[in-house]
Amino acid sequence: MGKGWTLQSLIDGKMTVTASCRKASCNHSKVLPLEELRDRLGPDTPAMEWDLRPKLKCEVCGSKDVGLIYAPDSNKVPGMGKAIPGKSLYAKAKGE
């Protein structure tokens, strides 16, 4: 993904970005709609944490203290988060 992620490179990489409010009394989190952001801001918009955090605020309490978590999108990556019958200890424990 080169020197830094863009919105399009995150989408192409089947990634998800979750924003979490760090205010102790709130703790709200939300998966960012990457496709909507790309359509509004452009595919080459930088999407590293230091690029996105200043643009975000919690939609519940309004705090600007927001953290980001980047992870593969388990809905778009085949087999992710699913036990493979006969291949994992979890599957064996479940009797699969």
PDB file of N, CA and C in Angstrom:
ATOM      1  N   MET A   1       0.807  -1.178   0.000  1.00  0.00           N
ATOM      2  CA  MET A   1       0.000   0.000   0.000  1.00  0.00           C
ATOM      3  C   MET A   1       0.864   1.262   0.000  1.00  0.00           C
ATOM      4  N   GLY A   2       2.120   1.143  -0.362  1.00  0.00           N
ATOM      5  CA  GLY A   2       2.975   2.298  -0.553  1.00  0.00           C
ATOM      6  C   GLY A   2       3.347   3.015   0.725  1.00  0.00           C
ATOM      7  N   LYS A   3       3.516   4.338   0.624  1.00  0.00           N
ATOM      8  CA  LYS A   3       3.949   5.158   1.758  1.00  0.00           C
ATOM      9  C   LYS A   3       2.842   5.375   2.774  1.00  0.00           C
ATOM     10  N   GLY A   4       1.630   5.265   2.362  1.00  0.00           N
ATOM     11  CA  GLY A   4       0.508   5.463   3.268  1.00  0.00           C
ATOM     12  C   GLY A   4      -0.779   4.996   2.627  1.00  0.00           C
ATOM     13  N   TRP A   5      -1.706   4.633   3.461  1.00  0.00           N
ATOM     14  CA  TRP A   5      -2.985   4.167   2.956  1.00  0.00           C
ATOM     15  C   TRP A   5      -3.811   5.322   2.428  1.00  0.00           C
ATOM     16  N   THR A   6      -4.596   5.018   1.410  1.00  0.00           N
ATOM     17  CA  THR A   6      -5.624   5.931   0.921  1.00  0.00           C
ATOM     18  C   THR A   6      -6.957   5.236   1.167  1.00  0.00           C
ATOM     19  N   LEU A   7      -8.036   5.983   1.025  1.00  0.00           N
ATOM     20  CA  LEU A   7      -9.349   5.354   1.191  1.00  0.00           C
ATOM     21  C   LEU A   7      -9.515   4.198   0.216  1.00  0.00           C
ATOM     22  N   GLN A   8      -9.093   4.396  -1.043  1.00  0.00           N
ATOM     23  CA  GLN A   8      -9.248   3.335  -2.040  1.00  0.00           C
ATOM     24  C   GLN A   8      -8.368   2.128  -1.729  1.00  0.00           C
ATOM     25  N   SER A   9      -7.152   2.356  -1.230  1.00  0.00           N
ATOM     26  CA  SER A   9      -6.282   1.212  -0.932  1.00  0.00           C
ATOM     27  C   SER A   9      -6.838   0.394   0.235  1.00  0.00           C
ATOM     28  N   LEU A  10      -7.501   1.043   1.183  1.00  0.00           N
ATOM     29  CA  LEU A  10      -8.143   0.298   2.272  1.00  0.00           C
ATOM     30  C   LEU A  10      -9.302  -0.536   1.739  1.00  0.00           C
ATOM     31  N   ILE A  11     -10.085   0.046   0.841  1.00  0.00           N
ATOM     32  CA  ILE A  11     -11.210  -0.684   0.238  1.00  0.00           C
ATOM     33  C   ILE A  11     -10.682  -1.858  -0.582  1.00  0.00           C
ATOM     34  N   ASP A  12      -9.667  -1.609  -1.406  1.00  0.00           N
ATOM     35  CA  ASP A  12      -9.090  -2.671  -2.235  1.00  0.00           C
ATOM     36  C   ASP A  12      -8.468  -3.768  -1.378  1.00  0.00           C
ATOM     37  N   GLY A  13      -7.917  -3.390  -0.229  1.00  0.00           N
ATOM     38  CA  GLY A  13      -7.302  -4.352   0.673  1.00  0.00           C
ATOM     39  C   GLY A  13      -8.290  -5.059   1.578  1.00  0.00           C
ATOM     40  N   LYS A  14      -9.583  -4.797   1.379  1.00  0.00           N
ATOM     41  CA  LYS A  14     -10.655  -5.425   2.162  1.00  0.00           C
ATOM     42  C   LYS A  14     -10.462  -5.171   3.653  1.00  0.00           C
ATOM     43  N   MET A  15     -10.186  -3.902   3.967  1.00  0.00           N
ATOM     44  CA  MET A  15      -9.964  -3.509   5.348  1.00  0.00           C
ATOM     45  C   MET A  15     -11.204  -2.817   5.907  1.00  0.00           C
ATOM     46  N   THR A  16     -11.261  -2.755   7.208  1.00  0.00           N
ATOM     47  CA  THR A  16     -12.296  -2.018   7.911  1.00  0.00           C
ATOM     48  C   THR A  16     -11.598  -1.081   8.896  1.00  0.00           C
ATOM     49  N   VAL A  17     -12.172   0.081   9.118  1.00  0.00           N
ATOM     50  CA  VAL A  17     -11.628   1.042  10.069  1.00  0.00           C
ATOM     51  C   VAL A  17     -12.732   1.357  11.074  1.00  0.00           C
ATOM     52  N   THR A  18     -12.439   1.111  12.341  1.00  0.00           N
ATOM     53  CA  THR A  18     -13.396   1.375  13.401  1.00  0.00           C
ATOM     54  C   THR A  18     -12.908   2.562  14.220  1.00  0.00           C
ATOM     55  N   ALA A  19     -13.757   3.563  14.373  1.00  0.00           N
ATOM     56  CA  ALA A  19     -13.451   4.722  15.206  1.00  0.00           C
ATOM     57  C   ALA A  19     -14.077   4.501  16.572  1.00  0.00           C
ATOM     58  N   SER A  20     -13.298   4.745  17.623  1.00  0.00           N
ATOM     59  CA  SER A  20     -13.778   4.546  18.991  1.00  0.00           C
ATOM     60  C   SER A  20     -13.544   5.800  19.812  1.00  0.00           C
ATOM     61  N   CYS A  21     -14.583   6.246  20.485  1.00  0.00           N
ATOM     62  CA  CYS A  21     -14.474   7.397  21.378  1.00  0.00           C
ATOM     63  C   CYS A  21     -13.688   6.962  22.611  1.00  0.00           C
ATOM     64  N   ARG A  22     -12.709   7.763  22.992  1.00  0.00           N
ATOM     65  CA  ARG A  22     -11.875   7.426  24.144  1.00  0.00           C
ATOM     66  C   ARG A  22     -12.374   8.056  25.440  1.00  0.00           C
ATOM     67  N   LYS A  23     -13.445   8.830  25.361  1.00  0.00           N
ATOM     68  CA  LYS A  23     -14.000   9.442  26.571  1.00  0.00           C
ATOM     69  C   LYS A  23     -14.622   8.326  27.411  1.00  0.00           C
ATOM     70  N   ALA A  24     -14.165   8.198  28.649  1.00  0.00           N
ATOM     71  CA  ALA A  24     -14.563   7.079  29.510  1.00  0.00           C
ATOM     72  C   ALA A  24     -16.070   6.967  29.693  1.00  0.00           C
ATOM     73  N   SER A  25     -16.765   8.088  29.755  1.00  0.00           N
ATOM     74  CA  SER A  25     -18.206   8.041  29.985  1.00  0.00           C
ATOM     75  C   SER A  25     -18.996   7.726  28.714  1.00  0.00           C
ATOM     76  N   CYS A  26     -18.310   7.660  27.557  1.00  0.00           N
ATOM     77  CA  CYS A  26     -19.011   7.426  26.289  1.00  0.00           C
ATOM     78  C   CYS A  26     -18.663   6.054  25.706  1.00  0.00           C
ATOM     79  N   ASN A  27     -17.423   5.906  25.269  1.00  0.00           N
ATOM     80  CA  ASN A  27     -16.932   4.631  24.723  1.00  0.00           C
ATOM     81  C   ASN A  27     -17.677   4.163  23.474  1.00  0.00           C
ATOM     82  N   HIS A  28     -18.301   5.076  22.731  1.00  0.00           N
ATOM     83  CA  HIS A  28     -19.026   4.733  21.503  1.00  0.00           C
ATOM     84  C   HIS A  28     -18.037   4.317  20.411  1.00  0.00           C
ATOM     85  N   SER A  29     -18.422   3.383  19.566  1.00  0.00           N
ATOM     86  CA  SER A  29     -17.578   3.010  18.424  1.00  0.00           C
ATOM     87  C   SER A  29     -18.447   2.793  17.194  1.00  0.00           C
ATOM     88  N   LYS A  30     -17.807   2.980  16.028  1.00  0.00           N
ATOM     89  CA  LYS A  30     -18.536   2.846  14.769  1.00  0.00           C
ATOM     90  C   LYS A  30     -17.555   2.479  13.664  1.00  0.00           C
ATOM     91  N   VAL A  31     -17.968   1.558  12.799  1.00  0.00           N
ATOM     92  CA  VAL A  31     -17.180   1.226  11.613  1.00  0.00           C
ATOM     93  C   VAL A  31     -17.381   2.356  10.605  1.00  0.00           C
ATOM     94  N   LEU A  32     -16.292   2.921  10.108  1.00  0.00           N
ATOM     95  CA  LEU A  32     -16.387   4.020   9.157  1.00  0.00           C
ATOM     96  C   LEU A  32     -16.843   3.502   7.797  1.00  0.00           C
ATOM     97  N   PRO A  33     -17.746   4.222   7.137  1.00  0.00           N
ATOM     98  CA  PRO A  33     -18.231   3.823   5.809  1.00  0.00           C
ATOM     99  C   PRO A  33     -17.216   4.239   4.739  1.00  0.00           C
ATOM    100  N   LEU A  34     -16.215   3.395   4.493  1.00  0.00           N
ATOM    101  CA  LEU A  34     -15.105   3.752   3.601  1.00  0.00           C
ATOM    102  C   LEU A  34     -15.566   4.104   2.193  1.00  0.00           C
ATOM    103  N   GLU A  35     -16.533   3.372   1.653  1.00  0.00           N
ATOM    104  CA  GLU A  35     -17.014   3.663   0.297  1.00  0.00           C
ATOM    105  C   GLU A  35     -17.666   5.040   0.228  1.00  0.00           C
ATOM    106  N   GLU A  36     -18.452   5.388   1.241  1.00  0.00           N
ATOM    107  CA  GLU A  36     -19.088   6.708   1.275  1.00  0.00           C
ATOM    108  C   GLU A  36     -18.043   7.813   1.407  1.00  0.00           C
ATOM    109  N   LEU A  37     -17.040   7.589   2.259  1.00  0.00           N
ATOM    110  CA  LEU A  37     -15.972   8.579   2.415  1.00  0.00           C
ATOM    111  C   LEU A  37     -15.190   8.750   1.114  1.00  0.00           C
ATOM    112  N   ARG A  38     -14.923   7.640   0.427  1.00  0.00           N
ATOM    113  CA  ARG A  38     -14.215   7.707  -0.854  1.00  0.00           C
ATOM    114  C   ARG A  38     -15.014   8.511  -1.870  1.00  0.00           C
ATOM    115  N   ASP A  39     -16.322   8.260  -1.935  1.00  0.00           N
ATOM    116  CA  ASP A  39     -17.171   8.966  -2.892  1.00  0.00           C
ATOM    117  C   ASP A  39     -17.247  10.462  -2.583  1.00  0.00           C
ATOM    118  N   ARG A  40     -17.190  10.816  -1.308  1.00  0.00           N
ATOM    119  CA  ARG A  40     -17.288  12.221  -0.915  1.00  0.00           C
ATOM    120  C   ARG A  40     -15.939  12.944  -0.967  1.00  0.00           C
ATOM    121  N   LEU A  41     -14.862  12.253  -0.547  1.00  0.00           N
ATOM    122  CA  LEU A  41     -13.559  12.905  -0.424  1.00  0.00           C
ATOM    123  C   LEU A  41     -12.579  12.574  -1.547  1.00  0.00           C
ATOM    124  N   GLY A  42     -12.861  11.500  -2.293  1.00  0.00           N
ATOM    125  CA  GLY A  42     -11.976  11.085  -3.375  1.00  0.00           C
ATOM    126  C   GLY A  42     -11.171   9.854  -3.003  1.00  0.00           C
ATOM    127  N   PRO A  43     -10.864   9.012  -3.993  1.00  0.00           N
ATOM    128  CA  PRO A  43     -10.180   7.745  -3.723  1.00  0.00           C
ATOM    129  C   PRO A  43      -8.742   7.906  -3.229  1.00  0.00           C
ATOM    130  N   ASP A  44      -8.079   9.001  -3.563  1.00  0.00           N
ATOM    131  CA  ASP A  44      -6.689   9.198  -3.175  1.00  0.00           C
ATOM    132  C   ASP A  44      -6.535   9.952  -1.861  1.00  0.00           C
ATOM    133  N   THR A  45      -7.630  10.136  -1.142  1.00  0.00           N
ATOM    134  CA  THR A  45      -7.567  10.811   0.150  1.00  0.00           C
ATOM    135  C   THR A  45      -6.742   9.967   1.117  1.00  0.00           C
ATOM    136  N   PRO A  46      -5.720  10.561   1.750  1.00  0.00           N
ATOM    137  CA  PRO A  46      -4.904   9.811   2.711  1.00  0.00           C
ATOM    138  C   PRO A  46      -5.767   9.273   3.850  1.00  0.00           C
ATOM    139  N   ALA A  47      -5.496   8.041   4.259  1.00  0.00           N
ATOM    140  CA  ALA A  47      -6.328   7.400   5.276  1.00  0.00           C
ATOM    141  C   ALA A  47      -5.516   6.820   6.430  1.00  0.00           C
ATOM    142  N   MET A  48      -4.334   7.373   6.646  1.00  0.00           N
ATOM    143  CA  MET A  48      -3.561   6.963   7.816  1.00  0.00           C
ATOM    144  C   MET A  48      -4.225   7.575   9.050  1.00  0.00           C
ATOM    145  N   GLU A  49      -3.941   7.020  10.217  1.00  0.00           N
ATOM    146  CA  GLU A  49      -4.586   7.503  11.436  1.00  0.00           C
ATOM    147  C   GLU A  49      -4.380   9.004  11.628  1.00  0.00           C
ATOM    148  N   TRP A  50      -3.167   9.496  11.409  1.00  0.00           N
ATOM    149  CA  TRP A  50      -2.900  10.926  11.616  1.00  0.00           C
ATOM    150  C   TRP A  50      -3.599  11.810  10.580  1.00  0.00           C
ATOM    151  N   ASP A  51      -4.036  11.212   9.468  1.00  0.00           N
ATOM    152  CA  ASP A  51      -4.808  11.957   8.473  1.00  0.00           C
ATOM    153  C   ASP A  51      -6.290  12.020   8.854  1.00  0.00           C
ATOM    154  N   LEU A  52      -6.815  10.921   9.366  1.00  0.00           N
ATOM    155  CA  LEU A  52      -8.250  10.834   9.648  1.00  0.00           C
ATOM    156  C   LEU A  52      -8.656  11.392  11.011  1.00  0.00           C
ATOM    157  N   ARG A  53      -7.855  11.145  12.043  1.00  0.00           N
ATOM    158  CA  ARG A  53      -8.256  11.532  13.403  1.00  0.00           C
ATOM    159  C   ARG A  53      -8.652  12.997  13.547  1.00  0.00           C
ATOM    160  N   PRO A  54      -7.909  13.952  12.946  1.00  0.00           N
ATOM    161  CA  PRO A  54      -8.317  15.359  13.113  1.00  0.00           C
ATOM    162  C   PRO A  54      -9.680  15.680  12.486  1.00  0.00           C
ATOM    163  N   LYS A  55     -10.155  14.836  11.586  1.00  0.00           N
ATOM    164  CA  LYS A  55     -11.428  15.075  10.905  1.00  0.00           C
ATOM    165  C   LYS A  55     -12.612  14.432  11.617  1.00  0.00           C
ATOM    166  N   LEU A  56     -12.328  13.662  12.664  1.00  0.00           N
ATOM    167  CA  LEU A  56     -13.377  12.886  13.315  1.00  0.00           C
ATOM    168  C   LEU A  56     -13.766  13.445  14.668  1.00  0.00           C
ATOM    169  N   LYS A  57     -15.030  13.221  15.024  1.00  0.00           N
ATOM    170  CA  LYS A  57     -15.498  13.465  16.380  1.00  0.00           C
ATOM    171  C   LYS A  57     -16.602  12.456  16.667  1.00  0.00           C
ATOM    172  N   CYS A  58     -16.761  12.133  17.914  1.00  0.00           N
ATOM    173  CA  CYS A  58     -17.779  11.162  18.319  1.00  0.00           C
ATOM    174  C   CYS A  58     -19.160  11.711  17.997  1.00  0.00           C
ATOM    175  N   GLU A  59     -19.968  10.906  17.329  1.00  0.00           N
ATOM    176  CA  GLU A  59     -21.309  11.349  16.966  1.00  0.00           C
ATOM    177  C   GLU A  59     -22.270  11.304  18.150  1.00  0.00           C
ATOM    178  N   VAL A  60     -21.848  10.697  19.262  1.00  0.00           N
ATOM    179  CA  VAL A  60     -22.705  10.634  20.445  1.00  0.00           C
ATOM    180  C   VAL A  60     -22.415  11.791  21.405  1.00  0.00           C
ATOM    181  N   CYS A  61     -21.129  11.972  21.775  1.00  0.00           N
ATOM    182  CA  CYS A  61     -20.806  12.987  22.789  1.00  0.00           C
ATOM    183  C   CYS A  61     -20.055  14.192  22.227  1.00  0.00           C
ATOM    184  N   GLY A  62     -19.575  14.111  20.974  1.00  0.00           N
ATOM    185  CA  GLY A  62     -18.876  15.230  20.359  1.00  0.00           C
ATOM    186  C   GLY A  62     -17.395  15.319  20.662  1.00  0.00           C
ATOM    187  N   SER A  63     -16.857  14.372  21.414  1.00  0.00           N
ATOM    188  CA  SER A  63     -15.435  14.384  21.760  1.00  0.00           C
ATOM    189  C   SER A  63     -14.575  14.220  20.511  1.00  0.00           C
ATOM    190  N   LYS A  64     -13.439  14.920  20.492  1.00  0.00           N
ATOM    191  CA  LYS A  64     -12.479  14.785  19.391  1.00  0.00           C
ATOM    192  C   LYS A  64     -11.414  13.744  19.727  1.00  0.00           C
ATOM    193  N   ASP A  65     -11.478  13.157  20.924  1.00  0.00           N
ATOM    194  CA  ASP A  65     -10.514  12.133  21.345  1.00  0.00           C
ATOM    195  C   ASP A  65     -10.997  10.781  20.822  1.00  0.00           C
ATOM    196  N   VAL A  66     -10.616  10.497  19.584  1.00  0.00           N
ATOM    197  CA  VAL A  66     -11.090   9.300  18.880  1.00  0.00           C
ATOM    198  C   VAL A  66      -9.892   8.464  18.463  1.00  0.00           C
ATOM    199  N   GLY A  67      -9.967   7.165  18.695  1.00  0.00           N
ATOM    200  CA  GLY A  67      -8.932   6.241  18.250  1.00  0.00           C
ATOM    201  C   GLY A  67      -9.432   5.439  17.061  1.00  0.00           C
ATOM    202  N   LEU A  68      -8.501   4.920  16.270  1.00  0.00           N
ATOM    203  CA  LEU A  68      -8.865   4.136  15.091  1.00  0.00           C
ATOM    204  C   LEU A  68      -8.242   2.751  15.161  1.00  0.00           C
ATOM    205  N   ILE A  69      -8.998   1.767  14.716  1.00  0.00           N
ATOM    206  CA  ILE A  69      -8.510   0.390  14.617  1.00  0.00           C
ATOM    207  C   ILE A  69      -8.673  -0.062  13.173  1.00  0.00           C
ATOM    208  N   TYR A  70      -7.578  -0.482  12.562  1.00  0.00           N
ATOM    209  CA  TYR A  70      -7.568  -0.991  11.190  1.00  0.00           C
ATOM    210  C   TYR A  70      -7.493  -2.515  11.258  1.00  0.00           C
ATOM    211  N   ALA A  71      -8.376  -3.194  10.540  1.00  0.00           N
ATOM    212  CA  ALA A  71      -8.392  -4.658  10.566  1.00  0.00           C
ATOM    213  C   ALA A  71      -8.965  -5.187   9.253  1.00  0.00           C
ATOM    214  N   PRO A  72      -8.619  -6.429   8.898  1.00  0.00           N
ATOM    215  CA  PRO A  72      -9.249  -7.033   7.714  1.00  0.00           C
ATOM    216  C   PRO A  72     -10.754  -7.147   7.936  1.00  0.00           C
ATOM    217  N   ASP A  73     -11.534  -6.923   6.890  1.00  0.00           N
ATOM    218  CA  ASP A  73     -12.989  -7.015   6.966  1.00  0.00           C
ATOM    219  C   ASP A  73     -13.391  -8.476   6.868  1.00  0.00           C
ATOM    220  N   SER A  74     -13.830  -9.046   7.978  1.00  0.00           N
ATOM    221  CA  SER A  74     -14.155 -10.477   8.013  1.00  0.00           C
ATOM    222  C   SER A  74     -15.331 -10.833   7.115  1.00  0.00           C
ATOM    223  N   ASN A  75     -16.124  -9.835   6.713  1.00  0.00           N
ATOM    224  CA  ASN A  75     -17.233 -10.092   5.788  1.00  0.00           C
ATOM    225  C   ASN A  75     -16.768 -10.176   4.341  1.00  0.00           C
ATOM    226  N   LYS A  76     -15.543  -9.694   4.065  1.00  0.00           N
ATOM    227  CA  LYS A  76     -15.048  -9.659   2.691  1.00  0.00           C
ATOM    228  C   LYS A  76     -13.863 -10.589   2.452  1.00  0.00           C
ATOM    229  N   VAL A  77     -13.286 -11.135   3.532  1.00  0.00           N
ATOM    230  CA  VAL A  77     -12.145 -12.042   3.410  1.00  0.00           C
ATOM    231  C   VAL A  77     -12.660 -13.461   3.621  1.00  0.00           C
ATOM    232  N   PRO A  78     -12.600 -14.307   2.578  1.00  0.00           N
ATOM    233  CA  PRO A  78     -13.155 -15.653   2.675  1.00  0.00           C
ATOM    234  C   PRO A  78     -12.555 -16.457   3.828  1.00  0.00           C
ATOM    235  N   GLY A  79     -13.434 -17.098   4.608  1.00  0.00           N
ATOM    236  CA  GLY A  79     -13.010 -18.000   5.661  1.00  0.00           C
ATOM    237  C   GLY A  79     -12.555 -17.334   6.936  1.00  0.00           C
ATOM    238  N   MET A  80     -12.462 -16.024   6.952  1.00  0.00           N
ATOM    239  CA  MET A  80     -11.976 -15.347   8.135  1.00  0.00           C
ATOM    240  C   MET A  80     -13.022 -15.398   9.239  1.00  0.00           C
ATOM    241  N   GLY A  81     -12.606 -15.821  10.411  1.00  0.00           N
ATOM    242  CA  GLY A  81     -13.505 -15.884  11.549  1.00  0.00           C
ATOM    243  C   GLY A  81     -14.399 -17.110  11.554  1.00  0.00           C
ATOM    244  N   LYS A  82     -14.142 -18.045  10.660  1.00  0.00           N
ATOM    245  CA  LYS A  82     -14.964 -19.250  10.599  1.00  0.00           C
ATOM    246  C   LYS A  82     -14.076 -20.473  10.801  1.00  0.00           C
ATOM    247  N   ALA A  83     -14.571 -21.409  11.570  1.00  0.00           N
ATOM    248  CA  ALA A  83     -13.833 -22.648  11.786  1.00  0.00           C
ATOM    249  C   ALA A  83     -13.893 -23.508  10.527  1.00  0.00           C
ATOM    250  N   ILE A  84     -12.783 -24.098  10.184  1.00  0.00           N
ATOM    251  CA  ILE A  84     -12.724 -25.007   9.045  1.00  0.00           C
ATOM    252  C   ILE A  84     -12.838 -26.427   9.604  1.00  0.00           C
ATOM    253  N   PRO A  85     -13.905 -27.148   9.238  1.00  0.00           N
ATOM    254  CA  PRO A  85     -14.120 -28.480   9.806  1.00  0.00           C
ATOM    255  C   PRO A  85     -12.876 -29.359   9.706  1.00  0.00           C
ATOM    256  N   GLY A  86     -12.502 -29.944  10.872  1.00  0.00           N
ATOM    257  CA  GLY A  86     -11.372 -30.858  10.918  1.00  0.00           C
ATOM    258  C   GLY A  86     -10.012 -30.182  10.887  1.00  0.00           C
ATOM    259  N   LYS A  87      -9.970 -28.875  10.785  1.00  0.00           N
ATOM    260  CA  LYS A  87      -8.688 -28.173  10.648  1.00  0.00           C
ATOM    261  C   LYS A  87      -8.282 -27.399  11.895  1.00  0.00           C
ATOM    262  N   SER A  88      -9.223 -27.027  12.734  1.00  0.00           N
ATOM    263  CA  SER A  88      -8.867 -26.212  13.889  1.00  0.00           C
ATOM    264  C   SER A  88      -9.284 -26.903  15.181  1.00  0.00           C
ATOM    265  N   LEU A  89      -8.605 -26.536  16.265  1.00  0.00           N
ATOM    266  CA  LEU A  89      -8.958 -27.086  17.563  1.00  0.00           C
ATOM    267  C   LEU A  89     -10.365 -26.665  17.961  1.00  0.00           C
ATOM    268  N   TYR A  90     -10.756 -25.444  17.583  1.00  0.00           N
ATOM    269  CA  TYR A  90     -12.100 -24.969  17.894  1.00  0.00           C
ATOM    270  C   TYR A  90     -13.146 -25.842  17.204  1.00  0.00           C
ATOM    271  N   ALA A  91     -12.910 -26.160  15.929  1.00  0.00           N
ATOM    272  CA  ALA A  91     -13.854 -27.000  15.190  1.00  0.00           C
ATOM    273  C   ALA A  91     -13.939 -28.385  15.826  1.00  0.00           C
ATOM    274  N   LYS A  92     -12.800 -28.925  16.239  1.00  0.00           N
ATOM    275  CA  LYS A  92     -12.799 -30.240  16.871  1.00  0.00           C
ATOM    276  C   LYS A  92     -13.560 -30.212  18.191  1.00  0.00           C
ATOM    277  N   ALA A  93     -13.362 -29.139  18.971  1.00  0.00           N
ATOM    278  CA  ALA A  93     -14.045 -29.023  20.263  1.00  0.00           C
ATOM    279  C   ALA A  93     -15.552 -28.926  20.080  1.00  0.00           C
ATOM    280  N   LYS A  94     -15.988 -28.329  18.984  1.00  0.00           N
ATOM    281  CA  LYS A  94     -17.416 -28.200  18.713  1.00  0.00           C
ATOM    282  C   LYS A  94     -17.984 -29.464  18.089  1.00  0.00           C
ATOM    283  N   GLY A  95     -17.117 -30.416  17.740  1.00  0.00           N
ATOM    284  CA  GLY A  95     -17.569 -31.654  17.133  1.00  0.00           C
ATOM    285  C   GLY A  95     -17.780 -31.539  15.640  1.00  0.00           C
ATOM    286  N   GLU A  96     -17.151 -30.551  14.999  1.00  0.00           N
ATOM    287  CA  GLU A  96     -17.308 -30.371  13.548  1.00  0.00           C
ATOM    288  C   GLU A  96     -16.300 -31.197  12.793  1.00  0.00           C
TER     289      GLU A  96
END
